[in-house]
Each structure stands twice: as C-alpha cells, then as structure tokens.
C-alpha cells in the first residue's frame, strides 16, 4: 500500500542505513503528510537535522512532534533532551516533568528520565530519580540502573552495597552477574569479569551489556577479532546501544579503519544527537582521516552548542596543533582554561603550545603563577618538568621531577618521569635506578616495564630487557613498542617462532607502522619465507629511506 506510513518509515530506515540522508528526509516528510499525527517521523527528522548540526530545523521538527501528539511522553522526552543539549536546561526540565505527568507507568518513565539525565551528563539528576524509585517503590530495576551508573562513573565502592542488595534477592539474577562482572572489570580482574559476563549471557542471551564488556576485555587483551565479534553481537541485539557503537568505532580507529569508525559513530548520533561523547569521537574520526574541514565543523558545532564547556575548544586546539598552527592552538587552550581553570591537562597543553609558538616568556609567567598557587602538589612539579623538557631546559626539568619525588616518594609516575629525563641526559645507570624504584611502587605499569627494557637493551642486557618487555605486554596487550622490541630481540637470538608471534601482534595493533613491518619482514627472511618477507621490507624501506638498518634489510 503506497499510502501506508509504516512502509515509508521502513524505506526511510533503509535509506538512513545506507547513509542516504537526503532520501531519508524526503521519505519522512512524505510520511508526515500521510499521517500528520504520527510522532515517530517528526522525531526522526529532528534527530537527522540535529546530527547534521542544523539546530534551527531540528528545533522546528521537535516542536512539531510535540504538537502532533501533545500527550506523547516520548515526544516530550525527545524535545527536552534537545533543549538540554542546546543550552536551555530549564525548558528541557519542564518537558521532562511533563512527560512524567503524562505517563501511566511512573516507574518506566522515571527510569527513562534517569537514563536521559545520565546521557546528558546530569549525574545528580539521574541519581535523584533512581534513588527516589528505590525509596518509594523498592524498585529493583532502579537499583540495578543506579548500580550501573555508579560503575560507569567509577564509583565502585558505592556500587557494591547496591549489588549486594540485588544479589540478596536472587544470586543467580543475570543482571546481577553482569554487574558483578562490571565490578571485577573495574578492579582489573579481567579473567573473573569475562567469566561472569559469559555466565550472565548463559542465563539470559538477550542481555546486551555483557557482550559489550566482553568486547572491551577482548580489545584490552589484543584479541581484536573476538572484540569485534562481541561488539557486533551487542549491536545485533540492540541496534541503538550507544556504548557498543562507540566502542566498535574506537576499535576500528585502532585498526586504522576510519570509514568503518565513522559509520558506527553516525549510528550513535542518529539515536542520540545530543551525545557529546559521540560528537567528539565523530570529530576525531575526521582528524584521523585528515579531513580537517569536517573535523573543524564538528568541533566548532560542539563549542557553539556548549559554550560553557572546555571540550570544544580543547579539540579545536589539538586540531590546530596537528596543522602546525601552535599560536592559534595556544589561544584556544587559553579559552578552554576560562571554563576549567584547574584542569592540569589543559594547563599542560596550553604551556606546551606557548613554547611551540615561541612564547616561552609567557609560558614561564603562567607556569610561575601556577607553581606559586599549588607549590605542594607533586603533579604541578611533574607538569613543570614536562614544560621544561619542551623548552629544552633539561637541568630544570630534572630538578622539577626530583621535587615531585620529594613531595610524593610513593608516586611511581614521578620516579618514571625522573628516569625519562635522565635518559635525555644519557645517564643510563640513574635512569635504570629510577625505573626500578618506580616499579617497586607500582609493578603493574606497563609503560615503566617497557622503558626499563629499552634502557637495559641499550646496555646490552638483552635477556633482562626481554623479561620486562614480556611483562609489559602481559600487563597491556596493546603495548606495541614492547611487542615489537621483544620480537626484534628474539629474532636476533634466533628464537624465530616466538619472535614471529610478537611481531604479528605488533602489526595488528599498528598496521601502518614501518618499523614493525621491517621487524616482521626480517623474521620472515630469516625463516627463508622470502615471498612473505619482501612486501614488508619493501614497504618499510620506502617509508624509512634514511634508516640504514631498514635499507640493509631491504637490500639483502
């Protein structure tokens, strides 16, 4: 039936899936003409325009959606979320309250409301709604949602009592097993977490969360195919799951697949155009593909829609750094600091870009004021040390890192950074001592193991270096430097089968890295597998034409 609105909605969904937005808009407008009271097409049109940063058109279609059915709680929620995201929180809150007033299922609508508040970053509002449901209705659904929110915010200790109450009601509850897995995941017990997620899936195959977190675990373990499979399964079961789409997008970026990543982020923005996380990642995808104009468009839209937030300015500043425009980057970081004056990461980026734009005197003034304000904070001295390194003031950098060590002798990263600056001074024994001290404070830091391995290798202590590389890769299966260095060392020791495994792992993590291609190609050459060796060695030589060892490997 060509006049049936449902058929047109299906056609619009197909067009959106094929990224034919113009076709989808035309079909949805036709659907609105066929049934002006149908809310869905109005909201779909609003979401498309919002995702395209056409705020005026989005506002018009959200308004029309509410007018199409003033009693629709869903339309009120959608318009309220849009208003929150575009700087009109009081109006947005009124729409949310109206949705609650209109709904006949108070528990469900308030759970939806809490979810929307969480999406918008309004944590206190989300917690208020969920806590009220627990207090007034003893809602287990709210208790589970609040526990998950706490875990998402990293508040594991606060989530545990909620989880205990859920388990007390039913220790075999699949959602409880999933949340228990989330606790294990937060505490870095990945094997226990994976086991609990698999148990939750075994009890309820429809659950999406366990698939998402299994994907994250497999990605952390460097098992990319299994990670993609788990995330794809989560999306198959819930095509609107934002966490799964964004996790898959990040996975694709690590695999240097920007087109696939862009598609996943686009799916998220269609579902939730107000998602700041998705918008930022969308810009990052364009940066990865060196599409500067699109990245600038996205980051600019974030700054306009959230003028009181630093993130848009920070991302635009990072883009200017990539474009070798440090003076403009410094100005943007300065704007970001207006909204986050105590953020040490933004402060560091600001100072480094001042140095990079030959404004060292200004950097010294800003750093001096910052040190005067927080002179007892070891992290301030660590920041100062990094800035001094950027300025080439290595002796001052060493003094700053020593000050950080004096203020926080148990802080592993302070010892690690002191070791790094001693490396710059070619003080290898001192660097080894600093890294070893750092590991005594925190043996689980893979970067410290890798750094120590590199120094030991330079000193000819290859077996000891390999031990640290292996530990680094065990702790962090995404440590590409440890994997490649270990592969090269094992190759030199003629342990070619083991070397090949680590080289393949490294290449999977960084498929375009020419140094890794050289390592892998040379291992194949040593194995006599010349047909496999040549392409890698040729690509490495073309990318590193001035590297004598790489050129030698290719020539041989």
Protein backbone atom coordinates (compact mmCIF):
# COMPACT_ATOMS: atom_id res chain seq x y z
CA UNK A 1 0.00 0.00 0.00
CA UNK A 2 1.82 3.17 -1.18
CA UNK A 3 -0.22 5.25 1.26
CA UNK A 4 0.74 3.24 4.36
CA UNK A 5 3.00 5.31 6.69
CA UNK A 6 4.71 2.23 8.16
CA UNK A 7 6.05 1.28 4.75
CA UNK A 8 7.54 4.74 4.30
CA UNK A 9 9.14 4.54 7.74
CA UNK A 10 10.79 1.27 6.71
CA UNK A 11 12.07 2.86 3.50
CA UNK A 12 13.45 5.80 5.49
CA UNK A 13 15.26 3.42 7.85
CA UNK A 14 16.84 1.65 4.87
CA UNK A 15 17.94 4.99 3.40
CA UNK A 16 19.48 6.03 6.71
CA UNK A 17 21.29 2.72 6.99
CA UNK A 18 22.78 3.36 3.55
CA UNK A 19 23.74 6.91 4.66
CA UNK A 20 21.35 8.48 2.12
CA UNK A 21 20.21 11.23 4.48
CA UNK A 22 18.58 13.38 1.79
CA UNK A 23 16.45 10.44 0.65
CA UNK A 24 15.52 9.63 4.24
CA UNK A 25 14.44 13.23 4.88
CA UNK A 26 12.27 13.27 1.75
CA UNK A 27 10.62 9.95 2.67
CA UNK A 28 9.97 11.05 6.26
CA UNK A 29 8.40 14.32 5.10
CA UNK A 30 6.13 12.30 2.83
CA UNK A 31 5.21 10.12 5.83
CA UNK A 32 4.30 13.22 7.84
CA UNK A 33 1.95 14.32 5.06
CA UNK A 34 0.28 10.90 5.06
CA UNK A 35 -0.20 10.89 8.84
CA UNK A 36 0.39 14.31 10.48
CA UNK A 37 -0.43 12.89 13.93
CA UNK A 38 2.28 10.22 13.83
CA UNK A 39 5.07 11.32 16.19
CA UNK A 40 7.85 8.97 15.02
CA UNK A 41 8.60 10.62 11.64
CA UNK A 42 8.71 14.08 13.25
CA UNK A 43 11.28 12.93 15.82
CA UNK A 44 13.30 11.05 13.19
CA UNK A 45 13.52 14.22 11.08
CA UNK A 46 14.51 16.22 14.16
CA UNK A 47 17.25 13.70 15.02
CA UNK A 48 18.69 13.79 11.49
CA UNK A 49 18.86 17.59 11.45
CA UNK A 50 20.34 17.63 14.96
CA UNK A 51 23.03 15.13 13.93
CA UNK A 52 23.81 17.43 10.98
CA UNK A 53 24.13 20.38 13.42
CA UNK A 54 21.15 22.13 11.78
CA UNK A 55 19.78 23.35 15.10
CA UNK A 56 17.02 25.54 13.64
CA UNK A 57 15.49 22.72 11.59
CA UNK A 58 15.91 20.26 14.46
CA UNK A 59 14.08 22.60 16.85
CA UNK A 60 11.23 23.01 14.37
CA UNK A 61 10.72 19.25 13.99
CA UNK A 62 10.91 18.55 17.74
CA UNK A 63 8.26 21.27 18.23
CA UNK A 64 6.10 19.77 15.50
CA UNK A 65 6.47 16.33 17.08
CA UNK A 66 5.05 17.61 20.36
CA UNK A 67 2.21 19.41 18.54
CA UNK A 68 1.41 16.24 16.56
CA UNK A 69 0.58 14.47 19.82
CA UNK A 70 0.76 16.68 22.93
CA UNK A 71 0.05 13.63 25.11
CA UNK A 72 3.12 11.71 23.89
CA UNK A 73 5.63 11.27 26.72
CA UNK A 74 8.24 10.14 24.19
CA UNK A 75 7.94 13.38 22.22
CA UNK A 76 8.31 15.40 25.42
CA UNK A 77 11.42 13.43 26.43
CA UNK A 78 12.99 13.89 22.98
CA UNK A 79 12.33 17.64 22.91
CA UNK A 80 13.52 18.01 26.49
CA UNK A 81 16.78 16.25 25.71
CA UNK A 82 17.30 18.55 22.72
CA UNK A 83 16.68 21.63 24.86
CA UNK A 84 19.15 20.46 27.50
CA UNK A 85 21.78 19.79 24.82
CA UNK A 86 21.37 23.20 23.20
CA UNK A 87 21.67 25.34 26.30
CA UNK A 88 18.06 25.61 27.51
CA UNK A 89 18.08 23.35 30.60
CA UNK A 90 15.09 24.93 32.36
CA UNK A 91 12.86 24.45 29.32
CA UNK A 92 14.23 20.93 28.93
CA UNK A 93 13.42 20.10 32.53
CA UNK A 94 9.84 21.32 32.05
CA UNK A 95 9.42 18.90 29.15
CA UNK A 96 10.80 16.04 31.25
CA UNK A 97 8.36 16.84 34.07
CA UNK A 98 5.51 16.99 31.56
CA UNK A 99 6.50 13.52 30.28
CA UNK A 100 6.26 12.14 33.83
CA UNK A 101 2.87 13.81 34.27
CA UNK A 102 1.56 12.25 31.03
CA UNK A 103 2.83 8.71 31.57
CA UNK A 104 0.67 5.97 33.08
CA UNK A 105 3.74 3.87 34.01
CA UNK A 106 5.61 6.00 36.52
CA UNK A 107 8.42 3.52 37.16
CA UNK A 108 9.24 3.08 33.48
CA UNK A 109 9.08 6.78 32.59
CA UNK A 110 11.30 7.74 35.52
CA UNK A 111 13.82 5.07 34.51
CA UNK A 112 13.83 6.56 31.02
CA UNK A 113 14.22 10.02 32.53
CA UNK A 114 17.19 8.87 34.62
CA UNK A 115 18.78 7.34 31.53
CA UNK A 116 18.39 10.63 29.64
CA UNK A 117 19.84 12.62 32.52
CA UNK A 118 22.84 10.27 32.55
CA UNK A 119 23.28 10.67 28.78
CA UNK A 120 23.34 14.44 29.23
CA UNK A 121 25.95 14.21 31.99
CA UNK A 122 23.44 15.30 34.64
CA UNK A 123 24.54 12.71 37.13
CA UNK A 124 22.88 14.21 40.22
CA UNK A 125 19.50 14.36 38.47
CA UNK A 126 19.84 10.74 37.32
CA UNK A 127 20.77 9.60 40.82
CA UNK A 128 17.86 11.56 42.33
CA UNK A 129 15.30 9.86 40.07
CA UNK A 130 16.71 6.37 40.70
CA UNK A 131 17.12 6.85 44.46
CA UNK A 132 13.52 8.08 44.71
CA UNK A 133 12.27 4.98 42.89
CA UNK A 134 14.26 2.75 45.25
CA UNK A 135 12.97 4.58 48.34
CA UNK A 136 9.34 4.94 47.23
CA UNK A 137 8.77 1.76 45.25
CA UNK A 138 11.63 -0.56 46.29
CA UNK A 139 12.33 -0.82 42.58
CA UNK A 140 14.91 -3.48 41.70
CA UNK A 141 15.09 -2.05 38.17
CA UNK A 142 16.10 1.31 39.63
CA UNK A 143 18.59 -0.35 41.98
CA UNK A 144 20.22 -2.11 39.03
CA UNK A 145 20.27 1.09 36.98
CA UNK A 146 21.82 3.05 39.87
CA UNK A 147 24.48 0.38 40.41
CA UNK A 148 25.37 0.51 36.72
CA UNK A 149 25.50 4.32 36.81
CA UNK A 150 27.85 4.20 39.81
CA UNK A 151 30.10 1.73 38.00
CA UNK A 152 30.11 3.87 34.86
CA UNK A 153 31.22 6.82 36.99
CA UNK A 154 33.99 4.73 38.55
CA UNK A 155 32.34 4.72 41.99
CA UNK A 156 32.89 1.03 42.66
CA UNK A 157 32.68 1.28 46.45
CA UNK A 158 29.26 2.95 46.22
CA UNK A 159 28.03 0.37 43.70
CA UNK A 160 28.90 -2.63 45.88
CA UNK A 161 26.12 -2.21 48.52
CA UNK A 162 23.56 -1.87 45.74
CA UNK A 163 24.92 -5.01 44.11
CA UNK A 164 24.77 -6.90 47.41
CA UNK A 165 21.08 -6.00 47.76
CA UNK A 166 20.40 -7.23 44.22
CA UNK A 167 22.28 -10.49 44.85
CA UNK A 168 20.43 -10.98 48.14
CA UNK A 169 17.17 -11.03 46.22
CA UNK A 170 18.50 -13.51 43.64
CA UNK A 171 22.16 -14.51 43.46
CA UNK A 172 21.59 -16.05 40.02
CA UNK A 173 19.97 -12.94 38.54
CA UNK A 174 21.75 -12.48 35.17
CA UNK A 175 21.83 -8.69 35.56
CA UNK A 176 23.40 -9.14 38.99
CA UNK A 177 26.05 -11.41 37.45
CA UNK A 178 26.68 -8.75 34.79
CA UNK A 179 27.06 -6.03 37.43
CA UNK A 180 29.34 -8.29 39.45
CA UNK A 181 31.41 -8.65 36.29
CA UNK A 182 31.48 -4.85 35.96
CA UNK A 183 32.97 -4.65 39.46
CA UNK A 184 35.65 -7.19 38.54
CA UNK A 185 36.32 -5.26 35.31
CA UNK A 186 36.74 -2.02 37.27
CA UNK A 187 39.16 -3.76 39.62
CA UNK A 188 41.16 -5.04 36.61
CA UNK A 189 40.37 -8.71 37.27
CA UNK A 190 39.67 -9.36 33.59
CA UNK A 191 39.53 -13.16 33.77
CA UNK A 192 36.92 -13.08 36.55
CA UNK A 193 34.99 -10.36 34.72
CA UNK A 194 34.93 -12.34 31.47
CA UNK A 195 33.73 -15.44 33.32
CA UNK A 196 30.87 -13.51 34.94
CA UNK A 197 29.84 -11.88 31.67
CA UNK A 198 29.74 -15.29 29.99
CA UNK A 199 27.67 -16.65 32.89
CA UNK A 200 25.22 -13.74 32.56
CA UNK A 201 24.85 -14.42 28.83
CA UNK A 202 24.30 -18.10 29.57
CA UNK A 203 21.35 -17.23 31.81
CA UNK A 204 19.89 -14.53 29.57
CA UNK A 205 21.04 -14.40 25.96
CA UNK A 206 19.13 -11.15 25.36
CA UNK A 207 21.35 -9.10 27.69
CA UNK A 208 23.46 -6.58 25.78
CA UNK A 209 25.81 -5.26 28.48
CA UNK A 210 27.81 -8.49 28.93
CA UNK A 211 28.53 -8.63 25.18
CA UNK A 212 29.72 -5.00 25.23
CA UNK A 213 32.10 -5.57 28.12
CA UNK A 214 33.36 -8.86 26.73
CA UNK A 215 34.25 -6.84 23.64
CA UNK A 216 36.11 -4.30 25.76
CA UNK A 217 38.01 -7.06 27.55
CA UNK A 218 39.00 -8.79 24.30
CA UNK A 219 40.16 -5.44 22.92
CA UNK A 220 42.27 -4.83 26.03
CA UNK A 221 43.74 -8.30 25.57
CA UNK A 222 44.62 -7.51 21.96
CA UNK A 223 42.15 -10.12 20.64
CA UNK A 224 40.65 -7.79 18.06
CA UNK A 225 38.61 -10.31 16.06
CA UNK A 226 36.88 -11.56 19.21
CA UNK A 227 36.37 -7.98 20.40
CA UNK A 228 34.68 -7.04 17.13
CA UNK A 229 32.54 -10.18 17.23
CA UNK A 230 31.31 -9.43 20.77
CA UNK A 231 30.53 -5.79 19.99
CA UNK A 232 28.77 -6.74 16.77
CA UNK A 233 26.63 -9.21 18.73
CA UNK A 234 25.71 -6.45 21.20
CA UNK A 235 24.65 -4.20 18.32
CA UNK A 236 22.69 -7.02 16.66
CA UNK A 237 20.69 -7.46 19.86
CA UNK A 238 20.29 -3.71 20.46
CA UNK A 239 20.97 -1.59 17.35
CA UNK A 240 20.56 1.59 19.42
CA UNK A 241 23.21 0.68 22.02
CA UNK A 242 25.48 3.71 22.08
CA UNK A 243 28.24 2.17 24.19
CA UNK A 244 28.64 -0.71 21.74
CA UNK A 245 28.70 1.53 18.66
CA UNK A 246 31.28 3.87 20.19
CA UNK A 247 33.45 1.02 21.47
CA UNK A 248 33.40 -0.52 17.99
CA UNK A 249 34.27 2.86 16.46
CA UNK A 250 37.31 3.14 18.73
CA UNK A 251 38.31 -0.40 17.84
CA UNK A 252 38.16 0.47 14.14
CA UNK A 253 40.28 3.57 14.72
CA UNK A 254 42.99 1.47 16.38
CA UNK A 255 42.86 -0.76 13.30
CA UNK A 256 43.18 2.34 11.08
CA UNK A 257 39.71 1.93 9.58
CA UNK A 258 38.27 5.48 9.73
CA UNK A 259 35.37 4.82 7.33
CA UNK A 260 34.07 1.95 9.45
CA UNK A 261 34.54 4.05 12.60
CA UNK A 262 32.62 6.95 11.05
CA UNK A 263 29.68 4.66 10.30
CA UNK A 264 29.47 3.45 13.91
CA UNK A 265 29.60 6.99 15.31
CA UNK A 266 26.96 8.10 12.81
CA UNK A 267 24.67 5.33 14.07
CA UNK A 268 25.05 6.68 17.62
CA UNK A 269 24.32 10.25 16.59
CA UNK A 270 21.16 9.16 14.79
CA UNK A 271 19.91 7.59 18.01
CA UNK A 272 21.17 10.33 20.31
CA UNK A 273 22.20 13.53 18.50
CA UNK A 274 22.86 15.13 21.90
CA UNK A 275 25.67 12.69 22.77
CA UNK A 276 28.76 14.77 23.49
CA UNK A 277 30.92 11.64 23.59
CA UNK A 278 29.76 10.64 20.11
CA UNK A 279 30.18 14.16 18.73
CA UNK A 280 33.76 14.36 20.00
CA UNK A 281 34.58 10.94 18.56
CA UNK A 282 32.96 11.96 15.27
CA UNK A 283 35.39 14.85 15.03
CA UNK A 284 38.27 12.55 15.99
CA UNK A 285 37.39 10.22 13.12
CA UNK A 286 37.76 13.08 10.65
CA UNK A 287 41.06 14.08 12.25
CA UNK A 288 42.31 10.53 11.82
CA UNK A 289 41.39 10.67 8.14
CA UNK A 290 42.99 14.14 7.84
CA UNK A 291 39.69 15.66 6.81
CA UNK A 292 40.46 18.89 8.63
CA UNK A 293 37.45 20.82 7.32
CA UNK A 294 34.90 18.27 8.60
CA UNK A 295 36.71 17.94 11.93
CA UNK A 296 36.69 21.72 12.35
CA UNK A 297 32.99 21.80 11.52
CA UNK A 298 32.20 19.21 14.21
CA UNK A 299 34.39 20.74 16.93
CA UNK A 300 33.05 24.21 16.10
CA UNK A 301 29.49 22.94 16.47
CA UNK A 302 30.35 21.50 19.89
CA UNK A 303 31.72 24.87 21.03
CA UNK A 304 28.62 26.68 19.79
CA UNK A 305 26.18 24.23 21.34
CA UNK A 306 28.08 24.04 24.66
CA UNK A 307 29.68 27.48 25.02
CA UNK A 308 30.39 26.97 28.73
CA UNK A 309 32.25 23.69 28.24
CA UNK A 310 36.00 23.43 27.51
CA UNK A 311 35.90 20.31 25.32
CA UNK A 312 35.12 22.03 22.00
CA UNK A 313 38.00 24.48 22.45
CA UNK A 314 40.36 21.68 23.54
CA UNK A 315 39.60 19.55 20.49
CA UNK A 316 39.90 22.52 18.13
CA UNK A 317 43.23 23.41 19.75
CA UNK A 318 44.51 19.86 19.26
CA UNK A 319 43.49 20.11 15.60
CA UNK A 320 45.47 23.36 15.25
CA UNK A 321 48.50 21.58 16.72
CA UNK A 322 48.24 18.87 14.07
CA UNK A 323 48.02 21.60 11.45
CA UNK A 324 51.26 23.13 12.80
CA UNK A 325 49.46 26.30 13.96
CA UNK A 326 50.64 26.42 17.61
CA UNK A 327 49.85 30.11 18.24
CA UNK A 328 46.17 29.52 17.39
CA UNK A 329 46.22 26.34 19.47
CA UNK A 330 47.52 28.30 22.46
CA UNK A 331 44.69 30.83 22.15
CA UNK A 332 42.12 28.03 22.08
CA UNK A 333 43.64 26.29 25.11
CA UNK A 334 43.52 29.66 26.90
CA UNK A 335 39.79 29.86 26.12
CA UNK A 336 39.30 26.33 27.47
CA UNK A 337 41.04 27.31 30.72
CA UNK A 338 38.45 30.03 31.26
CA UNK A 339 35.90 27.23 31.79
CA UNK A 340 38.27 24.76 33.50
CA UNK A 341 40.98 26.83 35.21
CA UNK A 342 42.17 23.98 37.44
CA UNK A 343 42.43 21.29 34.77
CA UNK A 344 46.11 20.21 34.76
CA UNK A 345 45.91 18.51 31.35
CA UNK A 346 44.59 21.63 29.62
CA UNK A 347 47.15 23.74 31.51
CA UNK A 348 49.97 21.49 30.30
CA UNK A 349 48.75 21.61 26.70
CA UNK A 350 48.46 25.40 26.91
CA UNK A 351 52.01 25.77 28.24
CA UNK A 352 53.49 23.39 25.65
CA UNK A 353 51.77 25.21 22.79
CA UNK A 354 53.06 28.52 24.13
CA UNK A 355 56.56 27.06 23.96
CA UNK A 356 55.90 25.66 20.49
CA UNK A 357 54.72 29.06 19.26
CA UNK A 358 57.89 30.73 20.58
CA UNK A 359 56.10 32.36 23.51
CA UNK A 360 58.41 30.94 26.18
CA UNK A 361 58.34 34.07 28.32
CA UNK A 362 54.56 33.89 28.55
CA UNK A 363 54.86 30.17 29.34
CA UNK A 364 57.29 30.97 32.16
CA UNK A 365 54.92 33.59 33.59
CA UNK A 366 51.90 31.27 33.51
CA UNK A 367 53.89 28.35 34.91
CA UNK A 368 55.37 30.52 37.67
CA UNK A 369 51.90 31.64 38.77
CA UNK A 370 50.63 28.06 38.67
CA UNK A 371 53.56 26.79 40.76
CA UNK A 372 53.06 29.57 43.30
CA UNK A 373 49.41 28.59 43.69
CA UNK A 374 49.98 24.82 44.05
CA UNK A 375 53.60 24.51 45.16
CA UNK A 376 52.91 21.50 47.43
CA UNK A 377 51.25 19.47 44.71
CA UNK A 378 53.67 16.90 43.19
CA UNK A 379 51.63 16.79 39.99
CA UNK A 380 52.26 20.51 39.47
CA UNK A 381 56.01 19.86 39.59
CA UNK A 382 55.60 16.95 37.19
CA UNK A 383 53.77 19.32 34.84
CA UNK A 384 56.59 21.86 35.24
CA UNK A 385 59.14 19.17 34.40
CA UNK A 386 57.36 18.34 31.16
CA UNK A 387 57.20 22.01 30.18
CA UNK A 388 60.92 22.43 30.90
CA UNK A 389 61.64 19.42 28.68
CA UNK A 390 59.64 21.06 25.88
CA UNK A 391 61.77 24.20 26.38
CA UNK A 392 64.98 22.19 26.33
CA UNK A 393 65.72 23.13 29.96
CA UNK A 394 66.75 19.61 30.93
CA UNK A 395 68.53 20.51 34.19
CA UNK A 396 65.47 22.44 35.40
CA UNK A 397 63.27 19.54 34.34
CA UNK A 398 65.33 17.14 36.45
CA UNK A 399 65.02 19.47 39.46
CA UNK A 400 61.25 19.66 38.97
CA UNK A 401 60.86 15.88 38.81
CA UNK A 402 63.09 15.48 41.88
CA UNK A 403 60.84 17.95 43.69
CA UNK A 404 57.84 15.79 42.71
CA UNK A 405 59.63 12.70 44.07
CA UNK A 406 60.42 14.52 47.32
CA UNK A 407 56.77 15.54 47.74
CA UNK A 408 55.38 12.11 46.80
CA UNK A 409 58.05 9.40 47.24
CA UNK A 410 55.48 6.64 46.71
CA UNK A 411 54.21 8.03 43.40
CA UNK A 412 55.53 5.68 40.71
CA UNK A 413 54.99 8.12 37.85
CA UNK A 414 57.22 10.75 39.49
CA UNK A 415 60.14 8.28 39.54
CA UNK A 416 59.30 7.19 35.99
CA UNK A 417 59.40 10.74 34.64
CA UNK A 418 62.63 11.41 36.52
CA UNK A 419 64.08 8.36 34.76
CA UNK A 420 62.90 9.66 31.39
CA UNK A 421 64.67 12.98 31.84
CA UNK A 422 67.82 11.15 32.98
CA UNK A 423 67.66 9.23 29.71
CA UNK A 424 67.71 12.56 27.88
CA UNK A 425 70.91 13.33 29.78
CA UNK A 426 72.28 9.90 28.79
CA UNK A 427 72.56 8.95 32.48
CA UNK A 428 71.68 5.30 31.90
CA UNK A 429 72.53 3.89 35.38
CA UNK A 430 70.50 6.67 37.03
CA UNK A 431 67.59 6.04 34.65
CA UNK A 432 67.67 2.30 35.41
CA UNK A 433 67.61 3.07 39.14
CA UNK A 434 64.67 5.47 38.74
CA UNK A 435 62.65 2.98 36.68
CA UNK A 436 63.38 0.17 39.14
CA UNK A 437 62.22 2.37 42.01
CA UNK A 438 59.07 3.21 40.06
CA UNK A 439 58.33 -0.49 39.61
CA UNK A 440 58.73 -1.07 43.34
CA UNK A 441 55.95 1.49 43.81
CA UNK A 442 53.76 0.10 41.02
CA UNK A 443 54.76 -3.15 39.35
CA UNK A 444 51.65 -3.17 37.16
CA UNK A 445 52.56 -0.15 35.00
CA UNK A 446 53.41 -1.50 31.54
CA UNK A 447 54.99 1.76 30.34
CA UNK A 448 57.62 1.59 33.09
CA UNK A 449 58.49 -2.01 32.18
CA UNK A 450 58.85 -1.01 28.52
CA UNK A 451 61.04 1.98 29.37
CA UNK A 452 63.28 -0.13 31.61
CA UNK A 453 63.51 -2.79 28.92
CA UNK A 454 64.68 -0.20 26.39
CA UNK A 455 67.43 1.09 28.71
CA UNK A 456 68.60 -2.42 29.59
CA UNK A 457 68.72 -3.32 25.89
CA UNK A 458 70.91 -0.26 25.22
CA UNK A 459 73.26 -1.51 27.95
CA UNK A 460 73.45 -4.96 26.34
CA UNK A 461 71.32 -6.70 28.99
CA UNK A 462 69.02 -8.25 26.39
CA UNK A 463 67.62 -11.13 28.46
CA UNK A 464 66.68 -8.76 31.28
CA UNK A 465 65.17 -6.36 28.74
CA UNK A 466 63.10 -9.16 27.24
CA UNK A 467 61.75 -10.05 30.67
CA UNK A 468 60.41 -6.53 31.09
CA UNK A 469 59.02 -6.42 27.55
CA UNK A 470 57.16 -9.68 28.19
CA UNK A 471 55.76 -8.36 31.46
CA UNK A 472 54.72 -5.10 29.77
CA UNK A 473 52.87 -6.97 27.04
CA UNK A 474 51.25 -9.26 29.61
CA UNK A 475 50.01 -6.24 31.54
CA UNK A 476 48.97 -4.33 28.43
CA UNK A 477 48.43 -6.40 25.27
CA UNK A 478 48.18 -3.12 23.36
CA UNK A 479 51.78 -2.10 24.18
CA UNK A 480 53.01 -2.09 20.59
CA UNK A 481 56.53 -0.88 21.48
CA UNK A 482 57.07 -3.76 23.90
CA UNK A 483 55.77 -6.30 21.36
CA UNK A 484 57.93 -5.00 18.50
CA UNK A 485 61.10 -4.65 20.59
CA UNK A 486 60.63 -8.13 22.01
CA UNK A 487 60.12 -9.54 18.51
CA UNK A 488 63.31 -7.86 17.27
CA UNK A 489 65.37 -9.12 20.22
CA UNK A 490 64.05 -12.68 19.91
CA UNK A 491 64.83 -12.56 16.19
CA UNK A 492 68.42 -11.58 16.97
CA UNK A 493 68.57 -14.54 19.37
CA UNK A 494 67.24 -16.84 16.59
CA UNK A 495 64.03 -17.60 18.52
CA UNK A 496 62.14 -17.03 15.30
CA UNK A 497 58.81 -18.71 16.06
CA UNK A 498 58.28 -16.69 19.25
CA UNK A 499 59.56 -13.56 17.51
CA UNK A 500 57.05 -14.04 14.70
CA UNK A 501 54.12 -14.20 17.12
CA UNK A 502 55.03 -10.93 18.83
CA UNK A 503 55.73 -9.19 15.51
CA UNK A 504 52.31 -10.21 14.20
CA UNK A 505 50.70 -8.93 17.40
CA UNK A 506 52.50 -5.62 16.98
CA UNK A 507 51.45 -5.26 13.34
CA UNK A 508 47.81 -5.95 14.21
CA UNK A 509 47.98 -3.11 16.73
CA UNK A 510 49.74 -0.70 14.33
CA UNK A 511 49.21 -1.96 10.76
CA UNK A 512 50.88 1.01 9.05
CA UNK A 513 53.99 1.25 11.25
CA UNK A 514 57.07 0.81 9.01
CA UNK A 515 59.40 -0.21 11.86
CA UNK A 516 57.10 -3.12 12.70
CA UNK A 517 56.89 -4.10 9.03
CA UNK A 518 60.70 -4.19 8.98
CA UNK A 519 60.78 -6.42 12.08
CA UNK A 520 58.19 -8.82 10.65
CA UNK A 521 59.77 -8.87 7.19
CA UNK A 522 63.23 -9.61 8.62
CA UNK A 523 61.87 -12.51 10.68
CA UNK A 524 60.24 -13.98 7.57
CA UNK A 525 63.55 -13.52 5.71
CA UNK A 526 65.43 -15.39 8.44
CA UNK A 527 62.88 -18.20 8.18
CA UNK A 528 63.53 -18.42 4.45
CA UNK A 529 60.00 -17.27 3.62
CA UNK A 530 61.17 -14.73 1.07
CA UNK A 531 57.79 -14.26 -0.64
CA UNK A 532 56.31 -13.16 2.71
CA UNK A 533 59.35 -11.08 3.66
CA UNK A 534 59.74 -8.92 0.57
CA UNK A 535 56.47 -6.88 0.67
CA UNK A 536 57.02 -5.88 4.30
CA UNK A 537 60.69 -5.00 3.81
CA UNK A 538 59.93 -3.01 0.65
CA UNK A 539 57.17 -1.00 2.37
CA UNK A 540 59.39 -0.34 5.39
CA UNK A 541 62.28 0.83 3.21
CA UNK A 542 60.02 3.15 1.21
CA UNK A 543 58.68 4.71 4.41
CA UNK A 544 62.10 4.97 6.13
CA UNK A 545 64.52 5.73 3.28
CA UNK A 546 67.16 7.23 5.60
CA UNK A 547 67.24 4.34 8.09
CA UNK A 548 70.41 2.31 7.39
CA UNK A 549 69.29 -0.95 9.04
CA UNK A 550 65.93 -0.92 7.27
CA UNK A 551 67.64 -0.17 3.93
CA UNK A 552 70.10 -3.01 4.58
CA UNK A 553 67.30 -5.47 5.31
CA UNK A 554 65.58 -4.48 2.06
CA UNK A 555 68.77 -4.68 0.02
CA UNK A 556 69.58 -8.17 1.31
